[in-house]
PDB file of N, CA and C in Angstrom:
ATOM      1  N   MET A   1      60.953   1.874  -4.680  1.00  0.00           N
ATOM      2  CA  MET A   1      60.675   3.222  -5.090  1.00  0.00           C
ATOM      3  C   MET A   1      61.635   4.206  -4.426  1.00  0.00           C
ATOM      4  N   LYS A   2      61.927   4.017  -3.140  1.00  0.00           N
ATOM      5  CA  LYS A   2      62.840   4.904  -2.426  1.00  0.00           C
ATOM      6  C   LYS A   2      64.264   4.762  -2.943  1.00  0.00           C
ATOM      7  N   LEU A   3      64.638   3.543  -3.301  1.00  0.00           N
ATOM      8  CA  LEU A   3      65.976   3.318  -3.824  1.00  0.00           C
ATOM      9  C   LEU A   3      66.150   3.993  -5.179  1.00  0.00           C
ATOM     10  N   ARG A   4      65.131   3.931  -6.007  1.00  0.00           N
ATOM     11  CA  ARG A   4      65.183   4.576  -7.325  1.00  0.00           C
ATOM     12  C   ARG A   4      65.314   6.096  -7.164  1.00  0.00           C
ATOM     13  N   LEU A   5      64.576   6.671  -6.241  1.00  0.00           N
ATOM     14  CA  LEU A   5      64.648   8.105  -5.988  1.00  0.00           C
ATOM     15  C   LEU A   5      66.040   8.491  -5.470  1.00  0.00           C
ATOM     16  N   ALA A   6      66.586   7.679  -4.574  1.00  0.00           N
ATOM     17  CA  ALA A   6      67.924   7.946  -4.049  1.00  0.00           C
ATOM     18  C   ALA A   6      68.962   7.879  -5.165  1.00  0.00           C
ATOM     19  N   LEU A   7      68.835   6.928  -6.066  1.00  0.00           N
ATOM     20  CA  LEU A   7      69.763   6.793  -7.179  1.00  0.00           C
ATOM     21  C   LEU A   7      69.691   8.008  -8.096  1.00  0.00           C
ATOM     22  N   ILE A   8      68.492   8.474  -8.397  1.00  0.00           N
ATOM     23  CA  ILE A   8      68.318   9.638  -9.263  1.00  0.00           C
ATOM     24  C   ILE A   8      68.916  10.888  -8.608  1.00  0.00           C
ATOM     25  N   VAL A   9      68.688  11.057  -7.312  1.00  0.00           N
ATOM     26  CA  VAL A   9      69.238  12.213  -6.595  1.00  0.00           C
ATOM     27  C   VAL A   9      70.759  12.171  -6.609  1.00  0.00           C
ATOM     28  N   LEU A  10      71.349  11.008  -6.379  1.00  0.00           N
ATOM     29  CA  LEU A  10      72.805  10.884  -6.385  1.00  0.00           C
ATOM     30  C   LEU A  10      73.384  11.133  -7.777  1.00  0.00           C
ATOM     31  N   LEU A  11      72.732  10.647  -8.809  1.00  0.00           N
ATOM     32  CA  LEU A  11      73.208  10.891 -10.167  1.00  0.00           C
ATOM     33  C   LEU A  11      73.143  12.378 -10.526  1.00  0.00           C
ATOM     34  N   LEU A  12      72.071  13.048 -10.136  1.00  0.00           N
ATOM     35  CA  LEU A  12      71.961  14.478 -10.396  1.00  0.00           C
ATOM     36  C   LEU A  12      73.007  15.273  -9.610  1.00  0.00           C
ATOM     37  N   ALA A  13      73.247  14.880  -8.375  1.00  0.00           N
ATOM     38  CA  ALA A  13      74.260  15.556  -7.566  1.00  0.00           C
ATOM     39  C   ALA A  13      75.646  15.355  -8.175  1.00  0.00           C
ATOM     40  N   ASN A  14      75.918  14.156  -8.643  1.00  0.00           N
ATOM     41  CA  ASN A  14      77.209  13.864  -9.259  1.00  0.00           C
ATOM     42  C   ASN A  14      77.384  14.669 -10.543  1.00  0.00           C
ATOM     43  N   ALA A  15      76.355  14.736 -11.364  1.00  0.00           N
ATOM     44  CA  ALA A  15      76.423  15.518 -12.603  1.00  0.00           C
ATOM     45  C   ALA A  15      76.600  17.003 -12.293  1.00  0.00           C
ATOM     46  N   GLY A  16      75.905  17.486 -11.280  1.00  0.00           N
ATOM     47  CA  GLY A  16      76.051  18.889 -10.885  1.00  0.00           C
ATOM     48  C   GLY A  16      77.449  19.215 -10.412  1.00  0.00           C
ATOM     49  N   TYR A  17      78.030  18.329  -9.615  1.00  0.00           N
ATOM     50  CA  TYR A  17      79.402  18.551  -9.147  1.00  0.00           C
ATOM     51  C   TYR A  17      80.386  18.517 -10.308  1.00  0.00           C
ATOM     52  N   PHE A  18      80.188  17.602 -11.239  1.00  0.00           N
ATOM     53  CA  PHE A  18      81.063  17.501 -12.399  1.00  0.00           C
ATOM     54  C   PHE A  18      81.034  18.793 -13.211  1.00  0.00           C
ATOM     55  N   LEU A  19      79.835  19.299 -13.479  1.00  0.00           N
ATOM     56  CA  LEU A  19      79.720  20.539 -14.244  1.00  0.00           C
ATOM     57  C   LEU A  19      80.304  21.725 -13.479  1.00  0.00           C
ATOM     58  N   TRP A  20      80.093  21.763 -12.173  1.00  0.00           N
ATOM     59  CA  TRP A  20      80.641  22.845 -11.353  1.00  0.00           C
ATOM     60  C   TRP A  20      82.165  22.812 -11.351  1.00  0.00           C
ATOM     61  N   ALA A  21      82.769  21.624 -11.200  1.00  0.00           N
ATOM     62  CA  ALA A  21      84.215  21.497 -11.125  1.00  0.00           C
ATOM     63  C   ALA A  21      84.881  21.859 -12.445  1.00  0.00           C
ATOM     64  N   ARG A  22      84.213  21.575 -13.570  1.00  0.00           N
ATOM     65  CA  ARG A  22      84.766  21.926 -14.882  1.00  0.00           C
ATOM     66  C   ARG A  22      84.600  23.394 -15.202  1.00  0.00           C
ATOM     67  N   GLY A  23      83.748  24.091 -14.470  1.00  0.00           N
ATOM     68  CA  GLY A  23      83.526  25.501 -14.709  1.00  0.00           C
ATOM     69  C   GLY A  23      82.411  25.776 -15.700  1.00  0.00           C
ATOM     70  N   ASP A  24      81.586  24.788 -15.983  1.00  0.00           N
ATOM     71  CA  ASP A  24      80.490  24.966 -16.930  1.00  0.00           C
ATOM     72  C   ASP A  24      79.334  25.783 -16.360  1.00  0.00           C
ATOM     73  N   LEU A  25      79.325  26.008 -15.059  1.00  0.00           N
ATOM     74  CA  LEU A  25      78.229  26.755 -14.430  1.00  0.00           C
ATOM     75  C   LEU A  25      78.620  28.193 -14.107  1.00  0.00           C
ATOM     76  N   VAL A  26      79.675  28.700 -14.753  1.00  0.00           N
ATOM     77  CA  VAL A  26      80.123  30.075 -14.510  1.00  0.00           C
ATOM     78  C   VAL A  26      79.048  31.064 -14.919  1.00  0.00           C
ATOM     79  N   GLY A  27      78.311  30.776 -15.965  1.00  0.00           N
ATOM     80  CA  GLY A  27      77.248  31.667 -16.421  1.00  0.00           C
ATOM     81  C   GLY A  27      76.148  31.855 -15.390  1.00  0.00           C
ATOM     82  N   PHE A  28      76.010  30.909 -14.483  1.00  0.00           N
ATOM     83  CA  PHE A  28      75.018  30.992 -13.420  1.00  0.00           C
ATOM     84  C   PHE A  28      75.598  31.578 -12.136  1.00  0.00           C
ATOM     85  N   GLY A  29      76.865  31.983 -12.184  1.00  0.00           N
ATOM     86  CA  GLY A  29      77.524  32.533 -11.007  1.00  0.00           C
ATOM     87  C   GLY A  29      78.076  31.475 -10.082  1.00  0.00           C
ATOM     88  N   LEU A  30      78.177  30.260 -10.572  1.00  0.00           N
ATOM     89  CA  LEU A  30      78.703  29.160  -9.761  1.00  0.00           C
ATOM     90  C   LEU A  30      80.002  28.665 -10.385  1.00  0.00           C
ATOM     91  N   ALA A  31      81.096  28.890  -9.698  1.00  0.00           N
ATOM     92  CA  ALA A  31      82.385  28.429 -10.195  1.00  0.00           C
ATOM     93  C   ALA A  31      83.301  28.168  -9.010  1.00  0.00           C
ATOM     94  N   PRO A  32      84.155  27.178  -9.104  1.00  0.00           N
ATOM     95  CA  PRO A  32      85.114  26.941  -8.024  1.00  0.00           C
ATOM     96  C   PRO A  32      86.108  28.093  -7.933  1.00  0.00           C
ATOM     97  N   ALA A  33      86.638  28.326  -6.755  1.00  0.00           N
ATOM     98  CA  ALA A  33      87.561  29.445  -6.549  1.00  0.00           C
ATOM     99  C   ALA A  33      88.847  29.264  -7.345  1.00  0.00           C
ATOM    100  N   SER A  34      89.251  28.048  -7.584  1.00  0.00           N
ATOM    101  CA  SER A  34      90.525  27.799  -8.257  1.00  0.00           C
ATOM    102  C   SER A  34      90.347  27.508  -9.737  1.00  0.00           C
ATOM    103  N   LEU A  35      89.313  28.050 -10.356  1.00  0.00           N
ATOM    104  CA  LEU A  35      89.075  27.752 -11.771  1.00  0.00           C
ATOM    105  C   LEU A  35      90.180  28.319 -12.649  1.00  0.00           C
ATOM    106  N   ASN A  36      90.598  29.540 -12.396  1.00  0.00           N
ATOM    107  CA  ASN A  36      91.612  30.171 -13.235  1.00  0.00           C
ATOM    108  C   ASN A  36      93.030  29.833 -12.796  1.00  0.00           C
ATOM    109  N   GLU A  37      93.224  29.566 -11.537  1.00  0.00           N
ATOM    110  CA  GLU A  37      94.565  29.295 -11.030  1.00  0.00           C
ATOM    111  C   GLU A  37      94.610  27.900 -10.437  1.00  0.00           C
ATOM    112  N   ARG A  38      95.381  27.056 -11.025  1.00  0.00           N
ATOM    113  CA  ARG A  38      95.585  25.719 -10.491  1.00  0.00           C
ATOM    114  C   ARG A  38      96.934  25.690  -9.793  1.00  0.00           C
ATOM    115  N   GLU A  39      96.935  25.579  -8.500  1.00  0.00           N
ATOM    116  CA  GLU A  39      98.122  25.520  -7.666  1.00  0.00           C
ATOM    117  C   GLU A  39      99.074  26.693  -7.927  1.00  0.00           C
ATOM    118  N   PRO A  40      98.644  27.919  -7.650  1.00  0.00           N
ATOM    119  CA  PRO A  40      99.500  29.080  -7.917  1.00  0.00           C
ATOM    120  C   PRO A  40     100.769  29.093  -7.070  1.00  0.00           C
ATOM    121  N   GLN A  41     100.754  28.423  -5.907  1.00  0.00           N
ATOM    122  CA  GLN A  41     101.958  28.400  -5.075  1.00  0.00           C
ATOM    123  C   GLN A  41     103.092  27.663  -5.765  1.00  0.00           C
ATOM    124  N   ARG A  42     102.781  26.683  -6.607  1.00  0.00           N
ATOM    125  CA  ARG A  42     103.838  25.987  -7.339  1.00  0.00           C
ATOM    126  C   ARG A  42     104.454  26.899  -8.402  1.00  0.00           C
ATOM    127  N   LEU A  43     103.642  27.704  -9.039  1.00  0.00           N
ATOM    128  CA  LEU A  43     104.171  28.617 -10.046  1.00  0.00           C
ATOM    129  C   LEU A  43     105.117  29.636  -9.425  1.00  0.00           C
ATOM    130  N   SER A  44     104.797  30.102  -8.238  1.00  0.00           N
ATOM    131  CA  SER A  44     105.644  31.099  -7.597  1.00  0.00           C
ATOM    132  C   SER A  44     106.948  30.499  -7.079  1.00  0.00           C
ATOM    133  N   ARG A  45     107.010  29.174  -6.879  1.00  0.00           N
ATOM    134  CA  ARG A  45     108.224  28.531  -6.365  1.00  0.00           C
ATOM    135  C   ARG A  45     109.153  28.040  -7.464  1.00  0.00           C
ATOM    136  N   GLN A  46     108.768  28.167  -8.726  1.00  0.00           N
ATOM    137  CA  GLN A  46     109.613  27.673  -9.809  1.00  0.00           C
ATOM    138  C   GLN A  46     110.862  28.528  -9.934  1.00  0.00           C
ATOM    139  N   ILE A  47     111.973  27.865 -10.173  1.00  0.00           N
ATOM    140  CA  ILE A  47     113.250  28.552 -10.349  1.00  0.00           C
ATOM    141  C   ILE A  47     113.710  28.331 -11.777  1.00  0.00           C
ATOM    142  N   LYS A  48     113.780  29.385 -12.546  1.00  0.00           N
ATOM    143  CA  LYS A  48     114.236  29.369 -13.936  1.00  0.00           C
ATOM    144  C   LYS A  48     113.541  28.298 -14.774  1.00  0.00           C
ATOM    145  N   PRO A  49     112.223  28.382 -14.934  1.00  0.00           N
ATOM    146  CA  PRO A  49     111.511  27.361 -15.710  1.00  0.00           C
ATOM    147  C   PRO A  49     111.906  27.348 -17.179  1.00  0.00           C
ATOM    148  N   GLU A  50     112.506  28.420 -17.680  1.00  0.00           N
ATOM    149  CA  GLU A  50     112.911  28.452 -19.085  1.00  0.00           C
ATOM    150  C   GLU A  50     114.100  27.521 -19.360  1.00  0.00           C
ATOM    151  N   TRP A  51     114.765  27.048 -18.314  1.00  0.00           N
ATOM    152  CA  TRP A  51     115.885  26.130 -18.494  1.00  0.00           C
ATOM    153  C   TRP A  51     115.434  24.702 -18.780  1.00  0.00           C
ATOM    154  N   VAL A  52     114.189  24.394 -18.538  1.00  0.00           N
ATOM    155  CA  VAL A  52     113.683  23.035 -18.718  1.00  0.00           C
ATOM    156  C   VAL A  52     113.608  22.721 -20.208  1.00  0.00           C
ATOM    157  N   GLN A  53     114.178  21.576 -20.578  1.00  0.00           N
ATOM    158  CA  GLN A  53     114.159  21.141 -21.968  1.00  0.00           C
ATOM    159  C   GLN A  53     113.597  19.729 -22.039  1.00  0.00           C
ATOM    160  N   VAL A  54     112.812  19.477 -23.080  1.00  0.00           N
ATOM    161  CA  VAL A  54     112.262  18.147 -23.299  1.00  0.00           C
ATOM    162  C   VAL A  54     113.177  17.432 -24.280  1.00  0.00           C
ATOM    163  N   ARG A  55     113.650  16.270 -23.890  1.00  0.00           N
ATOM    164  CA  ARG A  55     114.561  15.503 -24.740  1.00  0.00           C
ATOM    165  C   ARG A  55     113.884  14.230 -25.181  1.00  0.00           C
ATOM    166  N   LYS A  56     114.281  13.739 -26.332  1.00  0.00           N
ATOM    167  CA  LYS A  56     113.754  12.476 -26.819  1.00  0.00           C
ATOM    168  C   LYS A  56     114.340  11.340 -25.991  1.00  0.00           C
ATOM    169  N   GLU A  57     113.580  10.266 -25.863  1.00  0.00           N
ATOM    170  CA  GLU A  57     114.015   9.122 -25.081  1.00  0.00           C
ATOM    171  C   GLU A  57     115.140   8.395 -25.787  1.00  0.00           C
ATOM    172  N   ALA A  58     116.159   8.014 -25.031  1.00  0.00           N
ATOM    173  CA  ALA A  58     117.294   7.298 -25.588  1.00  0.00           C
ATOM    174  C   ALA A  58     116.876   5.857 -25.942  1.00  0.00           C
ATOM    175  N   LYS A  59     117.541   5.275 -26.908  1.00  0.00           N
ATOM    176  CA  LYS A  59     117.248   3.900 -27.281  1.00  0.00           C
ATOM    177  C   LYS A  59     117.718   2.956 -26.186  1.00  0.00           C
ATOM    178  N   ALA A  60     117.150   1.770 -26.155  1.00  0.00           N
ATOM    179  CA  ALA A  60     117.429   0.816 -25.069  1.00  0.00           C
ATOM    180  C   ALA A  60     118.889   0.392 -25.051  1.00  0.00           C
ATOM    181  N   GLY A  61     119.542   0.230 -26.202  1.00  0.00           N
ATOM    182  CA  GLY A  61     120.931  -0.224 -26.247  1.00  0.00           C
ATOM    183  C   GLY A  61     121.950   0.874 -26.088  1.00  0.00           C
ATOM    184  N   ALA A  62     121.536   2.111 -26.213  1.00  0.00           N
ATOM    185  CA  ALA A  62     122.484   3.225 -26.145  1.00  0.00           C
ATOM    186  C   ALA A  62     122.793   3.563 -24.692  1.00  0.00           C
ATOM    187  N   PRO A  63     124.064   3.902 -24.416  1.00  0.00           N
ATOM    188  CA  PRO A  63     124.420   4.295 -23.036  1.00  0.00           C
ATOM    189  C   PRO A  63     123.863   5.689 -22.729  1.00  0.00           C
ATOM    190  N   ALA A  64     123.564   5.912 -21.467  1.00  0.00           N
ATOM    191  CA  ALA A  64     123.034   7.205 -21.040  1.00  0.00           C
ATOM    192  C   ALA A  64     124.130   8.249 -21.088  1.00  0.00           C
ATOM    193  N   PRO A  65     123.837   9.471 -21.480  1.00  0.00           N
ATOM    194  CA  PRO A  65     124.877  10.528 -21.548  1.00  0.00           C
ATOM    195  C   PRO A  65     125.338  10.961 -20.179  1.00  0.00           C
TER     196      PRO A  65
END
């Protein structure tokens, strides 16, 4: 009986943390501090991010440019 109660408490705690981390509890006034900003220090350290280009992968037999 004690093990079943412990399992239920742990499952509820895990579900609560999951909802809190995703930001689903904002309506209740519970939200992580970094909900809107994920690693803002990395954004401030970027140098000319507009220069980044996504290229298609080269074929296996073709030489690299």
